[in-house]
Amino acid sequence: KAIYDMVIVDSSPLLPVTDGLHLARQADGVVLAVLQGRSRLPQVR
């Protein structure tokens, strides 16, 4: 954070693996990525 304006980290899916949740706790914010026709609204929620 001291060197760059923005750092983007790509992580594993949040529901089947907890790694992304642990990384997210260290971030200022999260942008969820979903796949059209595959990701379902209940899982995204």
PDB file of all heavy atoms in Angstrom:
ATOM      1  N   LYS A   1       0.823  -1.220   0.000  1.00  0.00           N
ATOM      2  CA  LYS A   1       0.000   0.000   0.000  1.00  0.00           C
ATOM      3  C   LYS A   1       0.852   1.262   0.000  1.00  0.00           C
ATOM      4  O   LYS A   1       0.449   2.279  -0.537  1.00  0.00           O
ATOM      5  CB  LYS A   1      -0.927   0.013   1.209  1.00  0.00           C
ATOM      6  CG  LYS A   1      -2.137  -0.864   1.079  1.00  0.00           C
ATOM      7  CD  LYS A   1      -2.925  -0.891   2.358  1.00  0.00           C
ATOM      8  CE  LYS A   1      -3.776   0.334   2.511  1.00  0.00           C
ATOM      9  NZ  LYS A   1      -4.738   0.230   3.628  1.00  0.00           N
ATOM     10  N   ALA A   2       2.031   1.186   0.599  1.00  0.00           N
ATOM     11  CA  ALA A   2       2.898   2.350   0.669  1.00  0.00           C
ATOM     12  C   ALA A   2       3.537   2.669  -0.681  1.00  0.00           C
ATOM     13  O   ALA A   2       3.912   3.814  -0.940  1.00  0.00           O
ATOM     14  CB  ALA A   2       3.987   2.120   1.712  1.00  0.00           C
ATOM     15  N   ILE A   3       3.618   1.685  -1.562  1.00  0.00           N
ATOM     16  CA  ILE A   3       4.289   1.864  -2.844  1.00  0.00           C
ATOM     17  C   ILE A   3       3.308   2.120  -3.981  1.00  0.00           C
ATOM     18  O   ILE A   3       3.566   2.944  -4.858  1.00  0.00           O
ATOM     19  CB  ILE A   3       5.136   0.616  -3.176  1.00  0.00           C
ATOM     20  CG1 ILE A   3       6.172   0.381  -2.076  1.00  0.00           C
ATOM     21  CG2 ILE A   3       5.811   0.745  -4.532  1.00  0.00           C
ATOM     22  CD1 ILE A   3       6.895  -0.938  -2.182  1.00  0.00           C
ATOM     23  N   TYR A   4       2.171   1.438  -3.978  1.00  0.00           N
ATOM     24  CA  TYR A   4       1.229   1.480  -5.100  1.00  0.00           C
ATOM     25  C   TYR A   4      -0.092   2.132  -4.716  1.00  0.00           C
ATOM     26  O   TYR A   4      -0.515   2.079  -3.561  1.00  0.00           O
ATOM     27  CB  TYR A   4       0.957   0.061  -5.612  1.00  0.00           C
ATOM     28  CG  TYR A   4       2.202  -0.625  -6.107  1.00  0.00           C
ATOM     29  CD1 TYR A   4       2.857  -1.556  -5.324  1.00  0.00           C
ATOM     30  CD2 TYR A   4       2.736  -0.321  -7.361  1.00  0.00           C
ATOM     31  CE1 TYR A   4       4.006  -2.186  -5.771  1.00  0.00           C
ATOM     32  CE2 TYR A   4       3.881  -0.943  -7.817  1.00  0.00           C
ATOM     33  CZ  TYR A   4       4.514  -1.876  -7.013  1.00  0.00           C
ATOM     34  OH  TYR A   4       5.659  -2.485  -7.456  1.00  0.00           O
ATOM     35  N   ASP A   5      -0.750   2.722  -5.704  1.00  0.00           N
ATOM     36  CA  ASP A   5      -2.069   3.310  -5.490  1.00  0.00           C
ATOM     37  C   ASP A   5      -3.119   2.231  -5.268  1.00  0.00           C
ATOM     38  O   ASP A   5      -4.059   2.411  -4.504  1.00  0.00           O
ATOM     39  CB  ASP A   5      -2.497   4.160  -6.692  1.00  0.00           C
ATOM     40  CG  ASP A   5      -1.615   5.383  -6.867  1.00  0.00           C
ATOM     41  OD1 ASP A   5      -1.091   5.881  -5.856  1.00  0.00           O
ATOM     42  OD2 ASP A   5      -1.452   5.819  -8.020  1.00  0.00           O
ATOM     43  N   MET A   6      -2.959   1.118  -5.977  1.00  0.00           N
ATOM     44  CA  MET A   6      -3.951   0.046  -5.910  1.00  0.00           C
ATOM     45  C   MET A   6      -3.262  -1.304  -6.077  1.00  0.00           C
ATOM     46  O   MET A   6      -2.374  -1.444  -6.919  1.00  0.00           O
ATOM     47  CB  MET A   6      -4.980   0.228  -7.024  1.00  0.00           C
ATOM     48  CG  MET A   6      -6.122  -0.730  -6.973  1.00  0.00           C
ATOM     49  SD  MET A   6      -7.311  -0.458  -8.304  1.00  0.00           S
ATOM     50  CE  MET A   6      -7.774   1.245  -8.053  1.00  0.00           C
ATOM     51  N   VAL A   7      -3.664  -2.263  -5.274  1.00  0.00           N
ATOM     52  CA  VAL A   7      -3.166  -3.634  -5.381  1.00  0.00           C
ATOM     53  C   VAL A   7      -4.376  -4.531  -5.579  1.00  0.00           C
ATOM     54  O   VAL A   7      -5.321  -4.490  -4.792  1.00  0.00           O
ATOM     55  CB  VAL A   7      -2.398  -4.069  -4.103  1.00  0.00           C
ATOM     56  CG1 VAL A   7      -1.945  -5.511  -4.219  1.00  0.00           C
ATOM     57  CG2 VAL A   7      -1.221  -3.139  -3.851  1.00  0.00           C
ATOM     58  N   ILE A   8      -4.362  -5.322  -6.637  1.00  0.00           N
ATOM     59  CA  ILE A   8      -5.469  -6.228  -6.938  1.00  0.00           C
ATOM     60  C   ILE A   8      -4.978  -7.658  -6.756  1.00  0.00           C
ATOM     61  O   ILE A   8      -3.944  -8.044  -7.298  1.00  0.00           O
ATOM     62  CB  ILE A   8      -5.991  -6.007  -8.373  1.00  0.00           C
ATOM     63  CG1 ILE A   8      -6.520  -4.578  -8.509  1.00  0.00           C
ATOM     64  CG2 ILE A   8      -7.060  -7.046  -8.710  1.00  0.00           C
ATOM     65  CD1 ILE A   8      -6.894  -4.190  -9.900  1.00  0.00           C
ATOM     66  N   VAL A   9      -5.733  -8.429  -5.991  1.00  0.00           N
ATOM     67  CA  VAL A   9      -5.383  -9.823  -5.722  1.00  0.00           C
ATOM     68  C   VAL A   9      -6.516 -10.708  -6.226  1.00  0.00           C
ATOM     69  O   VAL A   9      -7.670 -10.515  -5.854  1.00  0.00           O
ATOM     70  CB  VAL A   9      -5.178 -10.055  -4.204  1.00  0.00           C
ATOM     71  CG1 VAL A   9      -4.859 -11.509  -3.926  1.00  0.00           C
ATOM     72  CG2 VAL A   9      -4.087  -9.133  -3.674  1.00  0.00           C
ATOM     73  N   ASP A  10      -6.185 -11.668  -7.073  1.00  0.00           N
ATOM     74  CA  ASP A  10      -7.163 -12.643  -7.546  1.00  0.00           C
ATOM     75  C   ASP A  10      -7.106 -13.830  -6.606  1.00  0.00           C
ATOM     76  O   ASP A  10      -6.030 -14.300  -6.246  1.00  0.00           O
ATOM     77  CB  ASP A  10      -6.820 -13.063  -8.981  1.00  0.00           C
ATOM     78  CG  ASP A  10      -7.879 -13.948  -9.592  1.00  0.00           C
ATOM     79  OD1 ASP A  10      -8.998 -14.018  -9.049  1.00  0.00           O
ATOM     80  OD2 ASP A  10      -7.588 -14.578 -10.619  1.00  0.00           O
ATOM     81  N   SER A  11      -8.257 -14.307  -6.210  1.00  0.00           N
ATOM     82  CA  SER A  11      -8.308 -15.360  -5.205  1.00  0.00           C
ATOM     83  C   SER A  11      -9.197 -16.507  -5.668  1.00  0.00           C
ATOM     84  O   SER A  11      -9.876 -16.417  -6.687  1.00  0.00           O
ATOM     85  CB  SER A  11      -8.851 -14.765  -3.902  1.00  0.00           C
ATOM     86  OG  SER A  11      -8.993 -15.761  -2.936  1.00  0.00           O
ATOM     87  N   SER A  12      -9.209 -17.547  -4.873  1.00  0.00           N
ATOM     88  CA  SER A  12     -10.054 -18.712  -5.136  1.00  0.00           C
ATOM     89  C   SER A  12     -11.526 -18.369  -4.873  1.00  0.00           C
ATOM     90  O   SER A  12     -11.830 -17.363  -4.230  1.00  0.00           O
ATOM     91  CB  SER A  12      -9.623 -19.861  -4.220  1.00  0.00           C
ATOM     92  OG  SER A  12      -9.698 -19.454  -2.874  1.00  0.00           O
ATOM     93  N   PRO A  13     -12.449 -19.194  -5.353  1.00  0.00           N
ATOM     94  CA  PRO A  13     -13.873 -18.966  -5.068  1.00  0.00           C
ATOM     95  C   PRO A  13     -14.126 -18.926  -3.556  1.00  0.00           C
ATOM     96  O   PRO A  13     -13.489 -19.660  -2.790  1.00  0.00           O
ATOM     97  CB  PRO A  13     -14.562 -20.171  -5.703  1.00  0.00           C
ATOM     98  CG  PRO A  13     -13.601 -20.685  -6.716  1.00  0.00           C
ATOM     99  CD  PRO A  13     -12.235 -20.377  -6.177  1.00  0.00           C
ATOM    100  N   LEU A  14     -15.051 -18.084  -3.138  1.00  0.00           N
ATOM    101  CA  LEU A  14     -15.288 -17.889  -1.705  1.00  0.00           C
ATOM    102  C   LEU A  14     -16.079 -19.006  -1.032  1.00  0.00           C
ATOM    103  O   LEU A  14     -15.867 -19.291   0.141  1.00  0.00           O
ATOM    104  CB  LEU A  14     -16.027 -16.565  -1.473  1.00  0.00           C
ATOM    105  CG  LEU A  14     -15.253 -15.308  -1.833  1.00  0.00           C
ATOM    106  CD1 LEU A  14     -16.126 -14.090  -1.603  1.00  0.00           C
ATOM    107  CD2 LEU A  14     -13.990 -15.214  -1.020  1.00  0.00           C
ATOM    108  N   LEU A  15     -17.006 -19.606  -1.731  1.00  0.00           N
ATOM    109  CA  LEU A  15     -17.869 -20.582  -1.076  1.00  0.00           C
ATOM    110  C   LEU A  15     -17.203 -21.943  -0.838  1.00  0.00           C
ATOM    111  O   LEU A  15     -17.291 -22.471   0.263  1.00  0.00           O
ATOM    112  CB  LEU A  15     -19.179 -20.750  -1.846  1.00  0.00           C
ATOM    113  CG  LEU A  15     -20.048 -19.481  -1.904  1.00  0.00           C
ATOM    114  CD1 LEU A  15     -21.331 -19.759  -2.670  1.00  0.00           C
ATOM    115  CD2 LEU A  15     -20.351 -18.946  -0.529  1.00  0.00           C
ATOM    116  N   PRO A  16     -16.524 -22.535  -1.821  1.00  0.00           N
ATOM    117  CA  PRO A  16     -15.960 -23.861  -1.562  1.00  0.00           C
ATOM    118  C   PRO A  16     -14.636 -23.835  -0.800  1.00  0.00           C
ATOM    119  O   PRO A  16     -14.242 -24.829  -0.200  1.00  0.00           O
ATOM    120  CB  PRO A  16     -15.761 -24.453  -2.955  1.00  0.00           C
ATOM    121  CG  PRO A  16     -15.650 -23.300  -3.865  1.00  0.00           C
ATOM    122  CD  PRO A  16     -16.462 -22.194  -3.243  1.00  0.00           C
ATOM    123  N   VAL A  17     -13.922 -22.684  -0.813  1.00  0.00           N
ATOM    124  CA  VAL A  17     -12.595 -22.596  -0.203  1.00  0.00           C
ATOM    125  C   VAL A  17     -12.541 -21.333   0.654  1.00  0.00           C
ATOM    126  O   VAL A  17     -12.976 -20.276   0.221  1.00  0.00           O
ATOM    127  CB  VAL A  17     -11.498 -22.512  -1.294  1.00  0.00           C
ATOM    128  CG1 VAL A  17     -10.122 -22.520  -0.684  1.00  0.00           C
ATOM    129  CG2 VAL A  17     -11.645 -23.632  -2.304  1.00  0.00           C
ATOM    130  N   THR A  18     -11.995 -21.422   1.848  1.00  0.00           N
ATOM    131  CA  THR A  18     -11.981 -20.262   2.753  1.00  0.00           C
ATOM    132  C   THR A  18     -10.792 -19.327   2.534  1.00  0.00           C
ATOM    133  O   THR A  18     -10.742 -18.255   3.133  1.00  0.00           O
ATOM    134  CB  THR A  18     -11.984 -20.706   4.223  1.00  0.00           C
ATOM    135  OG1 THR A  18     -10.810 -21.475   4.476  1.00  0.00           O
ATOM    136  CG2 THR A  18     -13.225 -21.512   4.543  1.00  0.00           C
ATOM    137  N   ASP A  19      -9.852 -19.683   1.680  1.00  0.00           N
ATOM    138  CA  ASP A  19      -8.661 -18.849   1.470  1.00  0.00           C
ATOM    139  C   ASP A  19      -9.030 -17.419   1.079  1.00  0.00           C
ATOM    140  O   ASP A  19      -8.437 -16.460   1.567  1.00  0.00           O
ATOM    141  CB  ASP A  19      -7.767 -19.440   0.383  1.00  0.00           C
ATOM    142  CG  ASP A  19      -7.235 -20.813   0.728  1.00  0.00           C
ATOM    143  OD1 ASP A  19      -7.490 -21.289   1.853  1.00  0.00           O
ATOM    144  OD2 ASP A  19      -6.565 -21.417  -0.123  1.00  0.00           O
ATOM    145  N   GLY A  20      -9.992 -17.280   0.173  1.00  0.00           N
ATOM    146  CA  GLY A  20     -10.402 -15.960  -0.282  1.00  0.00           C
ATOM    147  C   GLY A  20     -10.974 -15.100   0.834  1.00  0.00           C
ATOM    148  O   GLY A  20     -10.763 -13.885   0.875  1.00  0.00           O
ATOM    149  N   LEU A  21     -11.688 -15.726   1.748  1.00  0.00           N
ATOM    150  CA  LEU A  21     -12.246 -14.983   2.888  1.00  0.00           C
ATOM    151  C   LEU A  21     -11.137 -14.456   3.788  1.00  0.00           C
ATOM    152  O   LEU A  21     -11.207 -13.325   4.280  1.00  0.00           O
ATOM    153  CB  LEU A  21     -13.203 -15.872   3.685  1.00  0.00           C
ATOM    154  CG  LEU A  21     -14.498 -16.252   2.991  1.00  0.00           C
ATOM    155  CD1 LEU A  21     -15.256 -17.286   3.822  1.00  0.00           C
ATOM    156  CD2 LEU A  21     -15.357 -15.028   2.735  1.00  0.00           C
ATOM    157  N   HIS A  22     -10.099 -15.257   3.993  1.00  0.00           N
ATOM    158  CA  HIS A  22      -8.976 -14.812   4.820  1.00  0.00           C
ATOM    159  C   HIS A  22      -8.229 -13.655   4.154  1.00  0.00           C
ATOM    160  O   HIS A  22      -7.849 -12.689   4.825  1.00  0.00           O
ATOM    161  CB  HIS A  22      -8.020 -15.974   5.098  1.00  0.00           C
ATOM    162  CG  HIS A  22      -8.615 -17.041   5.943  1.00  0.00           C
ATOM    163  ND1 HIS A  22      -8.971 -16.852   7.262  1.00  0.00           N
ATOM    164  CD2 HIS A  22      -8.946 -18.316   5.658  1.00  0.00           C
ATOM    165  CE1 HIS A  22      -9.491 -17.962   7.751  1.00  0.00           C
ATOM    166  NE2 HIS A  22      -9.494 -18.868   6.786  1.00  0.00           N
ATOM    167  N   LEU A  23      -8.040 -13.746   2.844  1.00  0.00           N
ATOM    168  CA  LEU A  23      -7.400 -12.646   2.112  1.00  0.00           C
ATOM    169  C   LEU A  23      -8.259 -11.390   2.142  1.00  0.00           C
ATOM    170  O   LEU A  23      -7.748 -10.281   2.299  1.00  0.00           O
ATOM    171  CB  LEU A  23      -7.151 -13.049   0.661  1.00  0.00           C
ATOM    172  CG  LEU A  23      -5.979 -13.977   0.402  1.00  0.00           C
ATOM    173  CD1 LEU A  23      -5.988 -14.441  -1.050  1.00  0.00           C
ATOM    174  CD2 LEU A  23      -4.674 -13.278   0.719  1.00  0.00           C
ATOM    175  N   ALA A  24      -9.554 -11.563   1.983  1.00  0.00           N
ATOM    176  CA  ALA A  24     -10.472 -10.425   1.945  1.00  0.00           C
ATOM    177  C   ALA A  24     -10.421  -9.604   3.224  1.00  0.00           C
ATOM    178  O   ALA A  24     -10.576  -8.379   3.182  1.00  0.00           O
ATOM    179  CB  ALA A  24     -11.897 -10.914   1.678  1.00  0.00           C
ATOM    180  N   ARG A  25     -10.193 -10.251   4.330  1.00  0.00           N
ATOM    181  CA  ARG A  25     -10.131  -9.540   5.613  1.00  0.00           C
ATOM    182  C   ARG A  25      -8.958  -8.564   5.664  1.00  0.00           C
ATOM    183  O   ARG A  25      -8.962  -7.623   6.442  1.00  0.00           O
ATOM    184  CB  ARG A  25     -10.044 -10.538   6.757  1.00  0.00           C
ATOM    185  CG  ARG A  25     -11.310 -11.350   6.883  1.00  0.00           C
ATOM    186  CD  ARG A  25     -11.225 -12.394   7.945  1.00  0.00           C
ATOM    187  NE  ARG A  25     -11.223 -11.732   9.245  1.00  0.00           N
ATOM    188  CZ  ARG A  25     -10.900 -12.344  10.378  1.00  0.00           C
ATOM    189  NH1 ARG A  25     -10.566 -13.610  10.372  1.00  0.00           N
ATOM    190  NH2 ARG A  25     -10.924 -11.689  11.508  1.00  0.00           N
ATOM    191  N   GLN A  26      -7.950  -8.785   4.824  1.00  0.00           N
ATOM    192  CA  GLN A  26      -6.775  -7.914   4.782  1.00  0.00           C
ATOM    193  C   GLN A  26      -6.936  -6.792   3.765  1.00  0.00           C
ATOM    194  O   GLN A  26      -6.098  -5.896   3.689  1.00  0.00           O
ATOM    195  CB  GLN A  26      -5.529  -8.745   4.429  1.00  0.00           C
ATOM    196  CG  GLN A  26      -5.267  -9.895   5.363  1.00  0.00           C
ATOM    197  CD  GLN A  26      -5.118  -9.454   6.808  1.00  0.00           C
ATOM    198  OE1 GLN A  26      -4.404  -8.499   7.099  1.00  0.00           O
ATOM    199  NE2 GLN A  26      -5.788 -10.129   7.711  1.00  0.00           N
ATOM    200  N   ALA A  27      -7.997  -6.840   2.974  1.00  0.00           N
ATOM    201  CA  ALA A  27      -8.191  -5.878   1.885  1.00  0.00           C
ATOM    202  C   ALA A  27      -9.061  -4.702   2.317  1.00  0.00           C
ATOM    203  O   ALA A  27      -9.827  -4.797   3.273  1.00  0.00           O
ATOM    204  CB  ALA A  27      -8.849  -6.585   0.698  1.00  0.00           C
ATOM    205  N   ASP A  28      -8.958  -3.606   1.593  1.00  0.00           N
ATOM    206  CA  ASP A  28      -9.822  -2.445   1.825  1.00  0.00           C
ATOM    207  C   ASP A  28     -11.211  -2.676   1.257  1.00  0.00           C
ATOM    208  O   ASP A  28     -12.171  -2.055   1.688  1.00  0.00           O
ATOM    209  CB  ASP A  28      -9.219  -1.196   1.181  1.00  0.00           C
ATOM    210  CG  ASP A  28      -7.916  -0.775   1.854  1.00  0.00           C
ATOM    211  OD1 ASP A  28      -7.779  -1.000   3.068  1.00  0.00           O
ATOM    212  OD2 ASP A  28      -7.047  -0.240   1.156  1.00  0.00           O
ATOM    213  N   GLY A  29     -11.307  -3.566   0.274  1.00  0.00           N
ATOM    214  CA  GLY A  29     -12.587  -3.867  -0.342  1.00  0.00           C
ATOM    215  C   GLY A  29     -12.449  -5.031  -1.309  1.00  0.00           C
ATOM    216  O   GLY A  29     -11.346  -5.421  -1.675  1.00  0.00           O
ATOM    217  N   VAL A  30     -13.597  -5.563  -1.715  1.00  0.00           N
ATOM    218  CA  VAL A  30     -13.631  -6.735  -2.586  1.00  0.00           C
ATOM    219  C   VAL A  30     -14.587  -6.482  -3.744  1.00  0.00           C
ATOM    220  O   VAL A  30     -15.665  -5.924  -3.559  1.00  0.00           O
ATOM    221  CB  VAL A  30     -14.087  -7.985  -1.798  1.00  0.00           C
ATOM    222  CG1 VAL A  30     -14.356  -9.156  -2.709  1.00  0.00           C
ATOM    223  CG2 VAL A  30     -13.055  -8.354  -0.750  1.00  0.00           C
ATOM    224  N   VAL A  31     -14.170  -6.904  -4.927  1.00  0.00           N
ATOM    225  CA  VAL A  31     -15.041  -6.922  -6.098  1.00  0.00           C
ATOM    226  C   VAL A  31     -15.289  -8.395  -6.422  1.00  0.00           C
ATOM    227  O   VAL A  31     -14.344  -9.144  -6.667  1.00  0.00           O
ATOM    228  CB  VAL A  31     -14.391  -6.210  -7.302  1.00  0.00           C
ATOM    229  CG1 VAL A  31     -15.271  -6.345  -8.537  1.00  0.00           C
ATOM    230  CG2 VAL A  31     -14.127  -4.756  -6.980  1.00  0.00           C
ATOM    231  N   LEU A  32     -16.550  -8.809  -6.388  1.00  0.00           N
ATOM    232  CA  LEU A  32     -16.882 -10.199  -6.695  1.00  0.00           C
ATOM    233  C   LEU A  32     -16.892 -10.404  -8.200  1.00  0.00           C
ATOM    234  O   LEU A  32     -17.376  -9.552  -8.949  1.00  0.00           O
ATOM    235  CB  LEU A  32     -18.262 -10.550  -6.136  1.00  0.00           C
ATOM    236  CG  LEU A  32     -18.382 -10.636  -4.624  1.00  0.00           C
ATOM    237  CD1 LEU A  32     -19.838 -10.805  -4.227  1.00  0.00           C
ATOM    238  CD2 LEU A  32     -17.554 -11.785  -4.087  1.00  0.00           C
ATOM    239  N   ALA A  33     -16.359 -11.519  -8.649  1.00  0.00           N
ATOM    240  CA  ALA A  33     -16.393 -11.891 -10.065  1.00  0.00           C
ATOM    241  C   ALA A  33     -17.341 -13.069 -10.227  1.00  0.00           C
ATOM    242  O   ALA A  33     -17.235 -14.059  -9.501  1.00  0.00           O
ATOM    243  CB  ALA A  33     -14.995 -12.257 -10.554  1.00  0.00           C
ATOM    244  N   VAL A  34     -18.279 -12.940 -11.158  1.00  0.00           N
ATOM    245  CA  VAL A  34     -19.235 -14.021 -11.424  1.00  0.00           C
ATOM    246  C   VAL A  34     -19.189 -14.366 -12.907  1.00  0.00           C
ATOM    247  O   VAL A  34     -18.776 -13.556 -13.735  1.00  0.00           O
ATOM    248  CB  VAL A  34     -20.671 -13.646 -11.004  1.00  0.00           C
ATOM    249  CG1 VAL A  34     -20.742 -13.357  -9.518  1.00  0.00           C
ATOM    250  CG2 VAL A  34     -21.185 -12.459 -11.788  1.00  0.00           C
ATOM    251  N   LEU A  35     -19.614 -15.564 -13.248  1.00  0.00           N
ATOM    252  CA  LEU A  35     -19.605 -16.037 -14.622  1.00  0.00           C
ATOM    253  C   LEU A  35     -21.033 -16.141 -15.131  1.00  0.00           C
ATOM    254  O   LEU A  35     -21.856 -16.860 -14.550  1.00  0.00           O
ATOM    255  CB  LEU A  35     -18.913 -17.397 -14.700  1.00  0.00           C
ATOM    256  CG  LEU A  35     -18.708 -17.997 -16.080  1.00  0.00           C
ATOM    257  CD1 LEU A  35     -17.899 -17.066 -16.973  1.00  0.00           C
ATOM    258  CD2 LEU A  35     -17.999 -19.339 -15.955  1.00  0.00           C
ATOM    259  N   GLN A  36     -21.316 -15.397 -16.198  1.00  0.00           N
ATOM    260  CA  GLN A  36     -22.664 -15.405 -16.762  1.00  0.00           C
ATOM    261  C   GLN A  36     -23.047 -16.829 -17.179  1.00  0.00           C
ATOM    262  O   GLN A  36     -22.272 -17.544 -17.781  1.00  0.00           O
ATOM    263  CB  GLN A  36     -22.755 -14.487 -17.967  1.00  0.00           C
ATOM    264  CG  GLN A  36     -24.141 -14.439 -18.560  1.00  0.00           C
ATOM    265  CD  GLN A  36     -24.224 -13.585 -19.806  1.00  0.00           C
ATOM    266  OE1 GLN A  36     -23.221 -13.218 -20.394  1.00  0.00           O
ATOM    267  NE2 GLN A  36     -25.421 -13.263 -20.200  1.00  0.00           N
ATOM    268  N   GLY A  37     -24.258 -17.221 -16.813  1.00  0.00           N
ATOM    269  CA  GLY A  37     -24.760 -18.537 -17.167  1.00  0.00           C
ATOM    270  C   GLY A  37     -24.289 -19.647 -16.252  1.00  0.00           C
ATOM    271  O   GLY A  37     -24.739 -20.784 -16.356  1.00  0.00           O
ATOM    272  N   ARG A  38     -23.378 -19.351 -15.346  1.00  0.00           N
ATOM    273  CA  ARG A  38     -22.853 -20.370 -14.434  1.00  0.00           C
ATOM    274  C   ARG A  38     -23.094 -20.007 -12.970  1.00  0.00           C
ATOM    275  O   ARG A  38     -23.542 -20.825 -12.188  1.00  0.00           O
ATOM    276  CB  ARG A  38     -21.362 -20.540 -14.708  1.00  0.00           C
ATOM    277  CG  ARG A  38     -20.681 -21.513 -13.825  1.00  0.00           C
ATOM    278  CD  ARG A  38     -20.402 -22.796 -14.523  1.00  0.00           C
ATOM    279  NE  ARG A  38     -19.918 -23.775 -13.572  1.00  0.00           N
ATOM    280  CZ  ARG A  38     -18.838 -24.465 -13.717  1.00  0.00           C
ATOM    281  NH1 ARG A  38     -18.110 -24.325 -14.804  1.00  0.00           N
ATOM    282  NH2 ARG A  38     -18.471 -25.338 -12.812  1.00  0.00           N
ATOM    283  N   SER A  39     -22.747 -18.779 -12.608  1.00  0.00           N
ATOM    284  CA  SER A  39     -22.943 -18.330 -11.225  1.00  0.00           C
ATOM    285  C   SER A  39     -24.437 -18.128 -10.983  1.00  0.00           C
ATOM    286  O   SER A  39     -25.147 -17.592 -11.828  1.00  0.00           O
ATOM    287  CB  SER A  39     -22.205 -17.011 -10.989  1.00  0.00           C
ATOM    288  OG  SER A  39     -20.826 -17.167 -11.219  1.00  0.00           O
ATOM    289  N   ARG A  40     -24.900 -18.537  -9.841  1.00  0.00           N
ATOM    290  CA  ARG A  40     -26.309 -18.425  -9.484  1.00  0.00           C
ATOM    291  C   ARG A  40     -26.481 -17.363  -8.401  1.00  0.00           C
ATOM    292  O   ARG A  40     -25.657 -17.230  -7.495  1.00  0.00           O
ATOM    293  CB  ARG A  40     -26.861 -19.767  -9.004  1.00  0.00           C
ATOM    294  CG  ARG A  40     -26.778 -20.864 -10.041  1.00  0.00           C
ATOM    295  CD  ARG A  40     -27.785 -20.570 -11.138  1.00  0.00           C
ATOM    296  NE  ARG A  40     -27.701 -21.542 -12.206  1.00  0.00           N
ATOM    297  CZ  ARG A  40     -27.495 -21.221 -13.470  1.00  0.00           C
ATOM    298  NH1 ARG A  40     -27.352 -19.969 -13.830  1.00  0.00           N
ATOM    299  NH2 ARG A  40     -27.433 -22.145 -14.398  1.00  0.00           N
ATOM    300  N   LEU A  41     -27.559 -16.614  -8.510  1.00  0.00           N
ATOM    301  CA  LEU A  41     -27.814 -15.502  -7.605  1.00  0.00           C
ATOM    302  C   LEU A  41     -27.778 -15.896  -6.123  1.00  0.00           C
ATOM    303  O   LEU A  41     -27.166 -15.177  -5.328  1.00  0.00           O
ATOM    304  CB  LEU A  41     -29.133 -14.820  -7.960  1.00  0.00           C
ATOM    305  CG  LEU A  41     -29.411 -13.493  -7.285  1.00  0.00           C
ATOM    306  CD1 LEU A  41     -28.276 -12.505  -7.478  1.00  0.00           C
ATOM    307  CD2 LEU A  41     -30.711 -12.907  -7.799  1.00  0.00           C
ATOM    308  N   PRO A  42     -28.370 -17.018  -5.721  1.00  0.00           N
ATOM    309  CA  PRO A  42     -28.288 -17.368  -4.294  1.00  0.00           C
ATOM    310  C   PRO A  42     -26.843 -17.549  -3.804  1.00  0.00           C
ATOM    311  O   PRO A  42     -26.510 -17.141  -2.692  1.00  0.00           O
ATOM    312  CB  PRO A  42     -29.065 -18.683  -4.197  1.00  0.00           C
ATOM    313  CG  PRO A  42     -29.999 -18.659  -5.363  1.00  0.00           C
ATOM    314  CD  PRO A  42     -29.248 -17.939  -6.454  1.00  0.00           C
ATOM    315  N   GLN A  43     -25.986 -18.111  -4.645  1.00  0.00           N
ATOM    316  CA  GLN A  43     -24.586 -18.300  -4.247  1.00  0.00           C
ATOM    317  C   GLN A  43     -23.837 -16.966  -4.219  1.00  0.00           C
ATOM    318  O   GLN A  43     -22.992 -16.744  -3.350  1.00  0.00           O
ATOM    319  CB  GLN A  43     -23.886 -19.280  -5.199  1.00  0.00           C
ATOM    320  CG  GLN A  43     -24.283 -20.718  -4.965  1.00  0.00           C
ATOM    321  CD  GLN A  43     -25.617 -21.080  -5.600  1.00  0.00           C
ATOM    322  OE1 GLN A  43     -26.086 -20.420  -6.518  1.00  0.00           O
ATOM    323  NE2 GLN A  43     -26.243 -22.126  -5.087  1.00  0.00           N
ATOM    324  N   VAL A  44     -24.149 -16.085  -5.155  1.00  0.00           N
ATOM    325  CA  VAL A  44     -23.519 -14.766  -5.165  1.00  0.00           C
ATOM    326  C   VAL A  44     -23.921 -13.998  -3.903  1.00  0.00           C
ATOM    327  O   VAL A  44     -23.082 -13.379  -3.238  1.00  0.00           O
ATOM    328  CB  VAL A  44     -23.901 -13.973  -6.431  1.00  0.00           C
ATOM    329  CG1 VAL A  44     -23.358 -12.552  -6.375  1.00  0.00           C
ATOM    330  CG2 VAL A  44     -23.404 -14.692  -7.679  1.00  0.00           C
ATOM    331  N   ARG A  45     -25.184 -14.058  -3.562  1.00  0.00           N
ATOM    332  CA  ARG A  45     -25.659 -13.398  -2.332  1.00  0.00           C
ATOM    333  C   ARG A  45     -24.995 -13.997  -1.091  1.00  0.00           C
ATOM    334  O   ARG A  45     -24.639 -13.276  -0.159  1.00  0.00           O
ATOM    335  CB  ARG A  45     -27.175 -13.515  -2.226  1.00  0.00           C
ATOM    336  CG  ARG A  45     -27.890 -12.595  -3.170  1.00  0.00           C
ATOM    337  CD  ARG A  45     -29.385 -12.697  -2.984  1.00  0.00           C
ATOM    338  NE  ARG A  45     -30.056 -11.723  -3.835  1.00  0.00           N
ATOM    339  CZ  ARG A  45     -31.253 -11.880  -4.337  1.00  0.00           C
ATOM    340  NH1 ARG A  45     -31.950 -12.971  -4.077  1.00  0.00           N
ATOM    341  NH2 ARG A  45     -31.782 -10.952  -5.092  1.00  0.00           N
TER     342      ARG A  45
END
